[in-house]
C-alpha atoms as a PDB file:
ATOM      1  CA  UNK A   1      20.552 -12.767   6.184  1.00  0.00           C
ATOM      2  CA  UNK A   2      20.702 -15.393   3.463  1.00  0.00           C
ATOM      3  CA  UNK A   3      24.054 -16.548   2.257  1.00  0.00           C
ATOM      4  CA  UNK A   4      24.924 -15.587  -1.299  1.00  0.00           C
ATOM      5  CA  UNK A   5      23.453 -18.075  -3.757  1.00  0.00           C
ATOM      6  CA  UNK A   6      25.516 -19.795  -6.406  1.00  0.00           C
ATOM      7  CA  UNK A   7      24.327 -19.268 -10.021  1.00  0.00           C
ATOM      8  CA  UNK A   8      22.654 -22.697 -10.222  1.00  0.00           C
ATOM      9  CA  UNK A   9      20.973 -22.091  -6.858  1.00  0.00           C
ATOM     10  CA  UNK A  10      19.863 -18.644  -8.029  1.00  0.00           C
ATOM     11  CA  UNK A  11      18.049 -20.072 -11.041  1.00  0.00           C
ATOM     12  CA  UNK A  12      16.338 -22.693  -8.874  1.00  0.00           C
ATOM     13  CA  UNK A  13      15.376 -20.040  -6.347  1.00  0.00           C
ATOM     14  CA  UNK A  14      13.938 -17.791  -9.068  1.00  0.00           C
ATOM     15  CA  UNK A  15      11.904 -20.660 -10.539  1.00  0.00           C
ATOM     16  CA  UNK A  16      10.621 -21.713  -7.108  1.00  0.00           C
ATOM     17  CA  UNK A  17       9.677 -18.122  -6.298  1.00  0.00           C
ATOM     18  CA  UNK A  18       7.787 -17.723  -9.575  1.00  0.00           C
ATOM     19  CA  UNK A  19       5.895 -20.948  -8.893  1.00  0.00           C
ATOM     20  CA  UNK A  20       5.134 -19.946  -5.307  1.00  0.00           C
ATOM     21  CA  UNK A  21       4.056 -16.345  -5.921  1.00  0.00           C
ATOM     22  CA  UNK A  22       3.208 -16.049  -9.623  1.00  0.00           C
ATOM     23  CA  UNK A  23      -0.566 -16.569  -9.478  1.00  0.00           C
ATOM     24  CA  UNK A  24      -1.219 -14.547  -6.336  1.00  0.00           C
ATOM     25  CA  UNK A  25       1.018 -11.710  -7.500  1.00  0.00           C
ATOM     26  CA  UNK A  26      -0.762 -11.633 -10.875  1.00  0.00           C
ATOM     27  CA  UNK A  27      -4.126 -11.517  -9.072  1.00  0.00           C
ATOM     28  CA  UNK A  28      -2.915  -8.642  -6.895  1.00  0.00           C
ATOM     29  CA  UNK A  29      -1.702  -6.662  -9.910  1.00  0.00           C
ATOM     30  CA  UNK A  30      -4.736  -7.463 -12.072  1.00  0.00           C
ATOM     31  CA  UNK A  31      -7.136  -5.984  -9.517  1.00  0.00           C
ATOM     32  CA  UNK A  32      -5.373  -2.636  -9.766  1.00  0.00           C
ATOM     33  CA  UNK A  33      -4.829  -2.134 -13.490  1.00  0.00           C
ATOM     34  CA  UNK A  34      -7.032  -1.740 -16.539  1.00  0.00           C
ATOM     35  CA  UNK A  35      -6.187  -4.850 -18.533  1.00  0.00           C
ATOM     36  CA  UNK A  36      -4.572  -8.259 -18.477  1.00  0.00           C
ATOM     37  CA  UNK A  37      -1.877  -6.936 -20.822  1.00  0.00           C
ATOM     38  CA  UNK A  38      -0.953  -4.174 -18.350  1.00  0.00           C
ATOM     39  CA  UNK A  39      -0.905  -6.703 -15.505  1.00  0.00           C
ATOM     40  CA  UNK A  40       1.336  -9.052 -17.484  1.00  0.00           C
ATOM     41  CA  UNK A  41       3.724  -6.199 -18.333  1.00  0.00           C
ATOM     42  CA  UNK A  42       3.971  -5.193 -14.689  1.00  0.00           C
ATOM     43  CA  UNK A  43       4.460  -8.796 -13.543  1.00  0.00           C
ATOM     44  CA  UNK A  44       7.199  -9.254 -16.127  1.00  0.00           C
ATOM     45  CA  UNK A  45       8.898  -6.093 -14.819  1.00  0.00           C
ATOM     46  CA  UNK A  46       8.679  -7.465 -11.262  1.00  0.00           C
ATOM     47  CA  UNK A  47      10.273 -10.780 -12.275  1.00  0.00           C
ATOM     48  CA  UNK A  48      12.965  -8.982 -14.254  1.00  0.00           C
ATOM     49  CA  UNK A  49      13.822  -6.776 -11.292  1.00  0.00           C
ATOM     50  CA  UNK A  50      13.719  -9.808  -8.978  1.00  0.00           C
ATOM     51  CA  UNK A  51      16.173 -11.738 -11.148  1.00  0.00           C
ATOM     52  CA  UNK A  52      18.539  -8.756 -11.243  1.00  0.00           C
ATOM     53  CA  UNK A  53      18.387  -8.125  -7.501  1.00  0.00           C
ATOM     54  CA  UNK A  54      18.746 -11.780  -6.543  1.00  0.00           C
ATOM     55  CA  UNK A  55      21.951 -11.899  -8.589  1.00  0.00           C
ATOM     56  CA  UNK A  56      23.323  -8.896  -6.718  1.00  0.00           C
ATOM     57  CA  UNK A  57      22.093  -9.340  -3.147  1.00  0.00           C
ATOM     58  CA  UNK A  58      19.945 -11.631  -1.023  1.00  0.00           C
ATOM     59  CA  UNK A  59      16.364 -10.655  -0.207  1.00  0.00           C
ATOM     60  CA  UNK A  60      15.242 -11.009   3.416  1.00  0.00           C
ATOM     61  CA  UNK A  61      11.469 -11.385   2.896  1.00  0.00           C
ATOM     62  CA  UNK A  62      10.767 -12.413  -0.658  1.00  0.00           C
ATOM     63  CA  UNK A  63       6.976 -12.062  -0.471  1.00  0.00           C
ATOM     64  CA  UNK A  64       7.079  -8.548   0.979  1.00  0.00           C
ATOM     65  CA  UNK A  65       9.730  -7.513  -1.534  1.00  0.00           C
ATOM     66  CA  UNK A  66       7.722  -8.824  -4.515  1.00  0.00           C
ATOM     67  CA  UNK A  67       4.500  -7.106  -3.462  1.00  0.00           C
ATOM     68  CA  UNK A  68       6.293  -3.837  -2.723  1.00  0.00           C
ATOM     69  CA  UNK A  69       7.916  -3.845  -6.169  1.00  0.00           C
ATOM     70  CA  UNK A  70       4.578  -4.724  -7.796  1.00  0.00           C
ATOM     71  CA  UNK A  71       2.868  -1.884  -5.916  1.00  0.00           C
ATOM     72  CA  UNK A  72       5.585   0.551  -7.026  1.00  0.00           C
ATOM     73  CA  UNK A  73       5.233  -0.551 -10.661  1.00  0.00           C
ATOM     74  CA  UNK A  74       1.443  -0.110 -10.448  1.00  0.00           C
ATOM     75  CA  UNK A  75       1.893   3.363  -8.942  1.00  0.00           C
ATOM     76  CA  UNK A  76       4.328   4.253 -11.737  1.00  0.00           C
ATOM     77  CA  UNK A  77       1.706   3.253 -14.290  1.00  0.00           C
ATOM     78  CA  UNK A  78      -1.007   5.271 -12.541  1.00  0.00           C
ATOM     79  CA  UNK A  79       1.370   8.195 -12.157  1.00  0.00           C
ATOM     80  CA  UNK A  80       1.795   8.381 -15.939  1.00  0.00           C
ATOM     81  CA  UNK A  81      -1.986   8.622 -16.264  1.00  0.00           C
ATOM     82  CA  UNK A  82      -2.055  11.184 -13.455  1.00  0.00           C
ATOM     83  CA  UNK A  83       0.402  13.426 -15.273  1.00  0.00           C
ATOM     84  CA  UNK A  84      -1.829  13.403 -18.355  1.00  0.00           C
ATOM     85  CA  UNK A  85      -4.879  14.067 -16.198  1.00  0.00           C
ATOM     86  CA  UNK A  86      -3.253  17.066 -14.511  1.00  0.00           C
ATOM     87  CA  UNK A  87      -2.161  18.481 -17.852  1.00  0.00           C
ATOM     88  CA  UNK A  88      -5.730  18.144 -19.122  1.00  0.00           C
ATOM     89  CA  UNK A  89      -7.320  19.705 -16.050  1.00  0.00           C
ATOM     90  CA  UNK A  90      -4.971  22.670 -15.856  1.00  0.00           C
ATOM     91  CA  UNK A  91      -3.906  23.329 -19.452  1.00  0.00           C
ATOM     92  CA  UNK A  92      -6.496  26.082 -19.843  1.00  0.00           C
ATOM     93  CA  UNK A  93      -4.667  28.039 -17.185  1.00  0.00           C
ATOM     94  CA  UNK A  94      -2.099  30.159 -18.989  1.00  0.00           C
ATOM     95  CA  UNK A  95      -0.081  30.517 -15.857  1.00  0.00           C
ATOM     96  CA  UNK A  96       3.433  29.340 -15.077  1.00  0.00           C
ATOM     97  CA  UNK A  97       2.177  28.285 -11.634  1.00  0.00           C
ATOM     98  CA  UNK A  98       0.368  25.370 -13.304  1.00  0.00           C
ATOM     99  CA  UNK A  99       3.682  23.737 -14.100  1.00  0.00           C
ATOM    100  CA  UNK A 100       4.703  24.264 -10.473  1.00  0.00           C
ATOM    101  CA  UNK A 101       1.551  22.520  -9.210  1.00  0.00           C
ATOM    102  CA  UNK A 102       1.972  19.593 -11.564  1.00  0.00           C
ATOM    103  CA  UNK A 103       5.617  19.200 -10.635  1.00  0.00           C
ATOM    104  CA  UNK A 104       4.739  19.344  -6.897  1.00  0.00           C
ATOM    105  CA  UNK A 105       2.095  16.647  -7.252  1.00  0.00           C
ATOM    106  CA  UNK A 106       4.169  14.382  -9.475  1.00  0.00           C
ATOM    107  CA  UNK A 107       7.532  14.707  -7.753  1.00  0.00           C
ATOM    108  CA  UNK A 108       9.448  11.431  -7.493  1.00  0.00           C
ATOM    109  CA  UNK A 109      10.613  11.946  -3.924  1.00  0.00           C
ATOM    110  CA  UNK A 110       7.803  11.614  -1.441  1.00  0.00           C
ATOM    111  CA  UNK A 111       7.944  13.926   1.512  1.00  0.00           C
ATOM    112  CA  UNK A 112       5.148  14.375   4.050  1.00  0.00           C
ATOM    113  CA  UNK A 113       4.178  17.590   2.256  1.00  0.00           C
ATOM    114  CA  UNK A 114       4.037  16.098  -1.249  1.00  0.00           C
ATOM    115  CA  UNK A 115       2.184  13.032   0.037  1.00  0.00           C
ATOM    116  CA  UNK A 116      -0.348  15.294   1.741  1.00  0.00           C
ATOM    117  CA  UNK A 117      -0.824  17.439  -1.383  1.00  0.00           C
ATOM    118  CA  UNK A 118      -1.157  14.392  -3.603  1.00  0.00           C
ATOM    119  CA  UNK A 119      -3.742  12.805  -1.313  1.00  0.00           C
ATOM    120  CA  UNK A 120      -5.615  16.101  -1.020  1.00  0.00           C
ATOM    121  CA  UNK A 121      -5.716  16.497  -4.803  1.00  0.00           C
ATOM    122  CA  UNK A 122      -7.057  12.979  -5.411  1.00  0.00           C
ATOM    123  CA  UNK A 123      -9.587  13.331  -2.587  1.00  0.00           C
ATOM    124  CA  UNK A 124     -10.876  16.617  -4.016  1.00  0.00           C
ATOM    125  CA  UNK A 125     -10.907  15.226  -7.544  1.00  0.00           C
ATOM    126  CA  UNK A 126     -13.080  12.279  -6.523  1.00  0.00           C
ATOM    127  CA  UNK A 127     -15.415  14.562  -4.552  1.00  0.00           C
ATOM    128  CA  UNK A 128     -15.734  16.792  -7.616  1.00  0.00           C
ATOM    129  CA  UNK A 129     -16.352  13.764  -9.833  1.00  0.00           C
ATOM    130  CA  UNK A 130     -19.211  12.721  -7.554  1.00  0.00           C
ATOM    131  CA  UNK A 131     -20.883  16.082  -8.260  1.00  0.00           C
ATOM    132  CA  UNK A 132     -21.062  15.382 -11.991  1.00  0.00           C
ATOM    133  CA  UNK A 133     -24.035  13.856 -13.771  1.00  0.00           C
ATOM    134  CA  UNK A 134     -23.427  10.080 -14.014  1.00  0.00           C
ATOM    135  CA  UNK A 135     -22.895  10.141 -17.799  1.00  0.00           C
ATOM    136  CA  UNK A 136     -20.196  12.819 -17.583  1.00  0.00           C
ATOM    137  CA  UNK A 137     -18.494  11.134 -14.650  1.00  0.00           C
ATOM    138  CA  UNK A 138     -18.471   7.772 -16.424  1.00  0.00           C
ATOM    139  CA  UNK A 139     -16.898   9.176 -19.611  1.00  0.00           C
ATOM    140  CA  UNK A 140     -14.249  11.059 -17.645  1.00  0.00           C
ATOM    141  CA  UNK A 141     -13.351   8.025 -15.508  1.00  0.00           C
ATOM    142  CA  UNK A 142     -13.264   5.663 -18.477  1.00  0.00           C
ATOM    143  CA  UNK A 143     -11.102   7.969 -20.532  1.00  0.00           C
ATOM    144  CA  UNK A 144      -8.755   9.508 -17.991  1.00  0.00           C
ATOM    145  CA  UNK A 145      -8.462   6.895 -15.269  1.00  0.00           C
ATOM    146  CA  UNK A 146      -9.060   3.685 -17.200  1.00  0.00           C
ATOM    147  CA  UNK A 147      -7.388   4.923 -20.400  1.00  0.00           C
ATOM    148  CA  UNK A 148     -10.193   3.907 -22.770  1.00  0.00           C
ATOM    149  CA  UNK A 149     -10.498   5.731 -26.089  1.00  0.00           C
ATOM    150  CA  UNK A 150     -13.709   7.461 -27.124  1.00  0.00           C
ATOM    151  CA  UNK A 151     -14.116   4.737 -29.748  1.00  0.00           C
ATOM    152  CA  UNK A 152     -13.928   2.008 -27.093  1.00  0.00           C
ATOM    153  CA  UNK A 153     -16.403   3.850 -24.866  1.00  0.00           C
ATOM    154  CA  UNK A 154     -18.750   4.342 -27.819  1.00  0.00           C
ATOM    155  CA  UNK A 155     -18.650   0.620 -28.607  1.00  0.00           C
ATOM    156  CA  UNK A 156     -19.174  -0.228 -24.943  1.00  0.00           C
ATOM    157  CA  UNK A 157     -22.119   2.130 -24.392  1.00  0.00           C
ATOM    158  CA  UNK A 158     -23.637   2.679 -27.834  1.00  0.00           C
ATOM    159  CA  UNK A 159     -23.358   6.460 -27.316  1.00  0.00           C
ATOM    160  CA  UNK A 160     -22.141   8.552 -30.270  1.00  0.00           C
ATOM    161  CA  UNK A 161     -18.504   9.696 -30.340  1.00  0.00           C
ATOM    162  CA  UNK A 162     -19.389  13.416 -30.398  1.00  0.00           C
ATOM    163  CA  UNK A 163     -21.747  13.026 -27.434  1.00  0.00           C
ATOM    164  CA  UNK A 164     -18.953  11.394 -25.435  1.00  0.00           C
ATOM    165  CA  UNK A 165     -16.519  14.188 -26.331  1.00  0.00           C
ATOM    166  CA  UNK A 166     -19.081  16.762 -25.250  1.00  0.00           C
ATOM    167  CA  UNK A 167     -19.740  14.976 -21.945  1.00  0.00           C
ATOM    168  CA  UNK A 168     -16.046  14.824 -21.191  1.00  0.00           C
ATOM    169  CA  UNK A 169     -15.642  18.498 -22.048  1.00  0.00           C
ATOM    170  CA  UNK A 170     -18.381  19.440 -19.566  1.00  0.00           C
ATOM    171  CA  UNK A 171     -16.785  17.189 -16.958  1.00  0.00           C
ATOM    172  CA  UNK A 172     -13.360  18.804 -17.451  1.00  0.00           C
ATOM    173  CA  UNK A 173     -14.854  22.304 -17.264  1.00  0.00           C
ATOM    174  CA  UNK A 174     -16.604  21.423 -13.998  1.00  0.00           C
ATOM    175  CA  UNK A 175     -13.475  19.833 -12.547  1.00  0.00           C
ATOM    176  CA  UNK A 176     -11.333  22.828 -13.511  1.00  0.00           C
ATOM    177  CA  UNK A 177     -13.780  25.185 -11.843  1.00  0.00           C
ATOM    178  CA  UNK A 178     -14.163  22.977  -8.791  1.00  0.00           C
ATOM    179  CA  UNK A 179     -10.423  22.363  -8.342  1.00  0.00           C
ATOM    180  CA  UNK A 180      -9.403  25.985  -9.025  1.00  0.00           C
ATOM    181  CA  UNK A 181      -9.687  26.894  -5.333  1.00  0.00           C
ATOM    182  CA  UNK A 182      -7.482  23.951  -4.363  1.00  0.00           C
ATOM    183  CA  UNK A 183      -5.016  24.971  -7.066  1.00  0.00           C
ATOM    184  CA  UNK A 184      -4.879  28.531  -5.711  1.00  0.00           C
ATOM    185  CA  UNK A 185      -4.454  27.344  -2.124  1.00  0.00           C
ATOM    186  CA  UNK A 186      -1.636  24.979  -3.104  1.00  0.00           C
ATOM    187  CA  UNK A 187       0.241  27.509  -5.221  1.00  0.00           C
ATOM    188  CA  UNK A 188      -0.043  30.147  -2.481  1.00  0.00           C
ATOM    189  CA  UNK A 189       1.279  27.564  -0.002  1.00  0.00           C
END
């Protein structure tokens, strides 16, 4: 265990750590998020948390700690998108069980059961996405998973706004139908 650092040593240690890990950590984050701005925000959060922790307690393995925090921040970002996605997929269900499913899948505390359900949901979602026509799948992925607006997708593809909305609607209808069995199995569980 490292001895407690003095304030001047802490600043030097923080600067050295940023120099040593900054580029590789940014590359790691960038590969997993939509934009450079998102990656920079996450990296800034990692450095902020690092500076707070280093002031309070020593870190045994700096590299492992940094990458674990970065991974958690990335998961938090994806989780926010996942909550929106679940609301969209299940909002047509006028059933109180829908809220139960969403809360089970998005629970903060990970237990073996919630991890299994979460993995099962994402696995089934991606299988269902693969069943869609490529145009519908692309619009759904761009909008829901990559957080692009219909305007951005229209500019990117040259496809009219209304056509994109229609494609996404058909994708959502298919996914709702396809995931309904999973939803019923989970809520009966």
